[in-house]
Amino acid sequence: MTKRGRQAVMWHNPTTAGLTGDTRRITATRWTAGTGSLRDRRIARGPYRGERVYSLREWLDHVKSRG
């Protein structure tokens, strides 16, 4: 959950390490508002480099579409 518990995101770490931008706790980061919001960050390394962080709803919709 992001700051204020308003958005669940698909990210397996408790911090933003591994994403573009500064490192902070996911629970201290907002989805859209403020500096370093999660919506616009990208994965910085590995096979998913360049992909963005998905909201839980987006991820569930994606999985459902694949059956």
N, C-alpha and C. Protein backbone atom coordinates (compact mmCIF):
# COMPACT_ATOMS: atom_id res chain seq x y z
N MET A 1 0.84 -1.18 0.00
CA MET A 1 0.00 0.00 0.00
C MET A 1 0.89 1.25 0.00
N THR A 2 0.44 2.25 -0.73
CA THR A 2 1.19 3.49 -0.78
C THR A 2 0.82 4.35 0.43
N LYS A 3 1.41 5.53 0.49
CA LYS A 3 1.15 6.45 1.59
C LYS A 3 -0.35 6.66 1.74
N ARG A 4 -0.83 6.63 2.95
CA ARG A 4 -2.24 6.78 3.31
C ARG A 4 -3.09 5.57 2.94
N GLY A 5 -2.45 4.51 2.45
CA GLY A 5 -3.17 3.28 2.17
C GLY A 5 -4.22 3.37 1.10
N ARG A 6 -4.08 4.27 0.17
CA ARG A 6 -5.11 4.47 -0.86
C ARG A 6 -4.86 3.69 -2.13
N GLN A 7 -3.66 3.18 -2.33
CA GLN A 7 -3.35 2.48 -3.57
C GLN A 7 -2.48 1.28 -3.27
N ALA A 8 -2.91 0.12 -3.72
CA ALA A 8 -2.08 -1.09 -3.61
C ALA A 8 -1.30 -1.22 -4.91
N VAL A 9 -0.03 -1.52 -4.81
CA VAL A 9 0.81 -1.64 -6.00
C VAL A 9 1.47 -3.01 -6.04
N MET A 10 1.84 -3.43 -7.24
CA MET A 10 2.54 -4.69 -7.44
C MET A 10 4.03 -4.42 -7.42
N TRP A 11 4.62 -4.51 -6.26
CA TRP A 11 6.05 -4.34 -6.10
C TRP A 11 6.46 -5.15 -4.89
N HIS A 12 7.39 -6.05 -5.03
CA HIS A 12 7.70 -7.03 -3.99
C HIS A 12 8.65 -6.54 -2.91
N ASN A 13 9.18 -5.35 -3.04
CA ASN A 13 10.10 -4.82 -2.04
C ASN A 13 9.41 -3.77 -1.17
N PRO A 14 9.87 -3.61 0.06
CA PRO A 14 9.28 -2.58 0.92
C PRO A 14 9.75 -1.16 0.58
N THR A 15 10.78 -1.06 -0.29
CA THR A 15 11.30 0.25 -0.68
C THR A 15 11.27 0.39 -2.19
N THR A 16 11.62 1.56 -2.66
CA THR A 16 11.66 1.83 -4.09
C THR A 16 13.02 1.49 -4.71
N ALA A 17 13.89 0.82 -3.95
CA ALA A 17 15.17 0.38 -4.51
C ALA A 17 14.87 -0.48 -5.73
N GLY A 18 15.59 -0.26 -6.81
CA GLY A 18 15.34 -0.98 -8.04
C GLY A 18 14.47 -0.23 -9.02
N LEU A 19 13.96 0.92 -8.58
CA LEU A 19 13.17 1.79 -9.45
C LEU A 19 13.96 3.05 -9.74
N THR A 20 13.60 3.73 -10.81
CA THR A 20 14.21 5.03 -11.07
C THR A 20 13.83 5.98 -9.95
N GLY A 21 14.64 7.01 -9.75
CA GLY A 21 14.37 7.98 -8.70
C GLY A 21 15.01 7.60 -7.38
N ASP A 22 14.68 8.37 -6.35
CA ASP A 22 15.29 8.14 -5.05
C ASP A 22 14.70 6.92 -4.36
N THR A 23 15.39 6.45 -3.32
CA THR A 23 14.93 5.29 -2.57
C THR A 23 14.20 5.74 -1.32
N ARG A 24 13.01 5.20 -1.15
CA ARG A 24 12.21 5.46 0.05
C ARG A 24 11.27 4.28 0.25
N ARG A 25 10.62 4.22 1.38
CA ARG A 25 9.67 3.15 1.66
C ARG A 25 8.44 3.33 0.77
N ILE A 26 7.89 2.22 0.30
CA ILE A 26 6.67 2.27 -0.51
C ILE A 26 5.55 2.95 0.28
N THR A 27 5.46 2.64 1.56
CA THR A 27 4.39 3.21 2.38
C THR A 27 4.56 4.71 2.61
N ALA A 28 5.72 5.26 2.25
CA ALA A 28 5.96 6.70 2.37
C ALA A 28 5.86 7.39 1.01
N THR A 29 5.45 6.64 -0.01
CA THR A 29 5.42 7.15 -1.38
C THR A 29 3.98 7.22 -1.86
N ARG A 30 3.66 8.28 -2.54
CA ARG A 30 2.30 8.43 -3.08
C ARG A 30 2.25 7.85 -4.49
N TRP A 31 1.06 7.50 -4.93
CA TRP A 31 0.88 6.94 -6.27
C TRP A 31 1.05 8.03 -7.32
N THR A 32 0.37 9.18 -7.17
CA THR A 32 0.44 10.21 -8.20
C THR A 32 0.96 11.55 -7.74
N ALA A 33 0.76 11.91 -6.51
CA ALA A 33 1.07 13.26 -6.05
C ALA A 33 2.49 13.35 -5.50
N GLY A 34 3.10 14.47 -5.71
CA GLY A 34 4.38 14.76 -5.08
C GLY A 34 5.59 14.24 -5.83
N THR A 35 6.74 14.61 -5.31
CA THR A 35 8.01 14.21 -5.90
C THR A 35 8.21 12.71 -5.72
N GLY A 36 8.63 12.04 -6.76
CA GLY A 36 8.93 10.62 -6.66
C GLY A 36 7.72 9.71 -6.63
N SER A 37 6.58 10.18 -7.11
CA SER A 37 5.38 9.35 -7.10
C SER A 37 5.63 8.06 -7.88
N LEU A 38 4.95 7.00 -7.50
CA LEU A 38 5.19 5.69 -8.10
C LEU A 38 4.67 5.56 -9.52
N ARG A 39 3.61 6.21 -9.86
CA ARG A 39 2.98 6.03 -11.16
C ARG A 39 3.94 6.27 -12.33
N ASP A 40 4.86 7.19 -12.18
CA ASP A 40 5.76 7.55 -13.28
C ASP A 40 7.14 6.91 -13.20
N ARG A 41 7.39 6.12 -12.16
CA ARG A 41 8.71 5.47 -12.04
C ARG A 41 8.79 4.25 -12.94
N ARG A 42 10.01 3.86 -13.24
CA ARG A 42 10.27 2.69 -14.07
C ARG A 42 11.23 1.75 -13.34
N ILE A 43 11.16 0.48 -13.68
CA ILE A 43 12.09 -0.49 -13.14
C ILE A 43 13.46 -0.20 -13.75
N ALA A 44 14.48 -0.15 -12.90
CA ALA A 44 15.80 0.32 -13.32
C ALA A 44 16.75 -0.78 -13.78
N ARG A 45 16.43 -2.05 -13.51
CA ARG A 45 17.39 -3.10 -13.87
C ARG A 45 16.66 -4.44 -14.08
N GLY A 46 17.40 -5.38 -14.62
CA GLY A 46 16.86 -6.72 -14.79
C GLY A 46 16.00 -6.88 -16.03
N PRO A 47 15.34 -8.03 -16.15
CA PRO A 47 14.57 -8.34 -17.36
C PRO A 47 13.35 -7.44 -17.57
N TYR A 48 12.89 -6.77 -16.53
CA TYR A 48 11.71 -5.90 -16.64
C TYR A 48 12.10 -4.42 -16.70
N ARG A 49 13.38 -4.18 -16.92
CA ARG A 49 13.88 -2.80 -17.00
C ARG A 49 13.03 -1.97 -17.96
N GLY A 50 12.65 -0.78 -17.52
CA GLY A 50 11.86 0.13 -18.33
C GLY A 50 10.36 0.02 -18.11
N GLU A 51 9.91 -1.11 -17.52
CA GLU A 51 8.48 -1.23 -17.24
C GLU A 51 8.14 -0.41 -16.01
N ARG A 52 6.88 -0.05 -15.90
CA ARG A 52 6.46 0.77 -14.77
C ARG A 52 5.88 -0.09 -13.65
N VAL A 53 5.65 0.51 -12.53
CA VAL A 53 5.00 -0.15 -11.40
C VAL A 53 3.50 -0.17 -11.70
N TYR A 54 2.88 -1.31 -11.54
CA TYR A 54 1.45 -1.43 -11.79
C TYR A 54 0.66 -1.33 -10.50
N SER A 55 -0.53 -0.77 -10.60
CA SER A 55 -1.43 -0.83 -9.45
C SER A 55 -1.92 -2.27 -9.35
N LEU A 56 -2.38 -2.66 -8.19
CA LEU A 56 -2.90 -4.01 -8.02
C LEU A 56 -4.07 -4.25 -8.97
N ARG A 57 -4.94 -3.28 -9.14
CA ARG A 57 -6.09 -3.41 -10.04
C ARG A 57 -5.62 -3.63 -11.48
N GLU A 58 -4.63 -2.87 -11.94
CA GLU A 58 -4.11 -3.05 -13.30
C GLU A 58 -3.54 -4.46 -13.48
N TRP A 59 -2.81 -4.92 -12.48
CA TRP A 59 -2.20 -6.24 -12.58
C TRP A 59 -3.28 -7.33 -12.62
N LEU A 60 -4.28 -7.23 -11.74
CA LEU A 60 -5.36 -8.22 -11.73
C LEU A 60 -6.11 -8.23 -13.06
N ASP A 61 -6.36 -7.06 -13.62
CA ASP A 61 -7.03 -6.99 -14.92
C ASP A 61 -6.18 -7.65 -16.01
N HIS A 62 -4.87 -7.45 -15.96
CA HIS A 62 -3.97 -8.05 -16.93
C HIS A 62 -4.01 -9.58 -16.82
N VAL A 63 -3.92 -10.09 -15.61
CA VAL A 63 -3.94 -11.54 -15.40
C VAL A 63 -5.27 -12.12 -15.87
N LYS A 64 -6.36 -11.46 -15.55
CA LYS A 64 -7.69 -11.93 -15.96
C LYS A 64 -7.79 -11.98 -17.49
N SER A 65 -7.23 -11.00 -18.17
CA SER A 65 -7.31 -10.96 -19.63
C SER A 65 -6.54 -12.12 -20.28
N ARG A 66 -5.60 -12.68 -19.54
CA ARG A 66 -4.80 -13.80 -20.06
C ARG A 66 -5.39 -15.14 -19.69
N GLY A 67 -6.52 -15.12 -18.96
CA GLY A 67 -7.21 -16.35 -18.59
C GLY A 67 -6.57 -17.06 -17.44
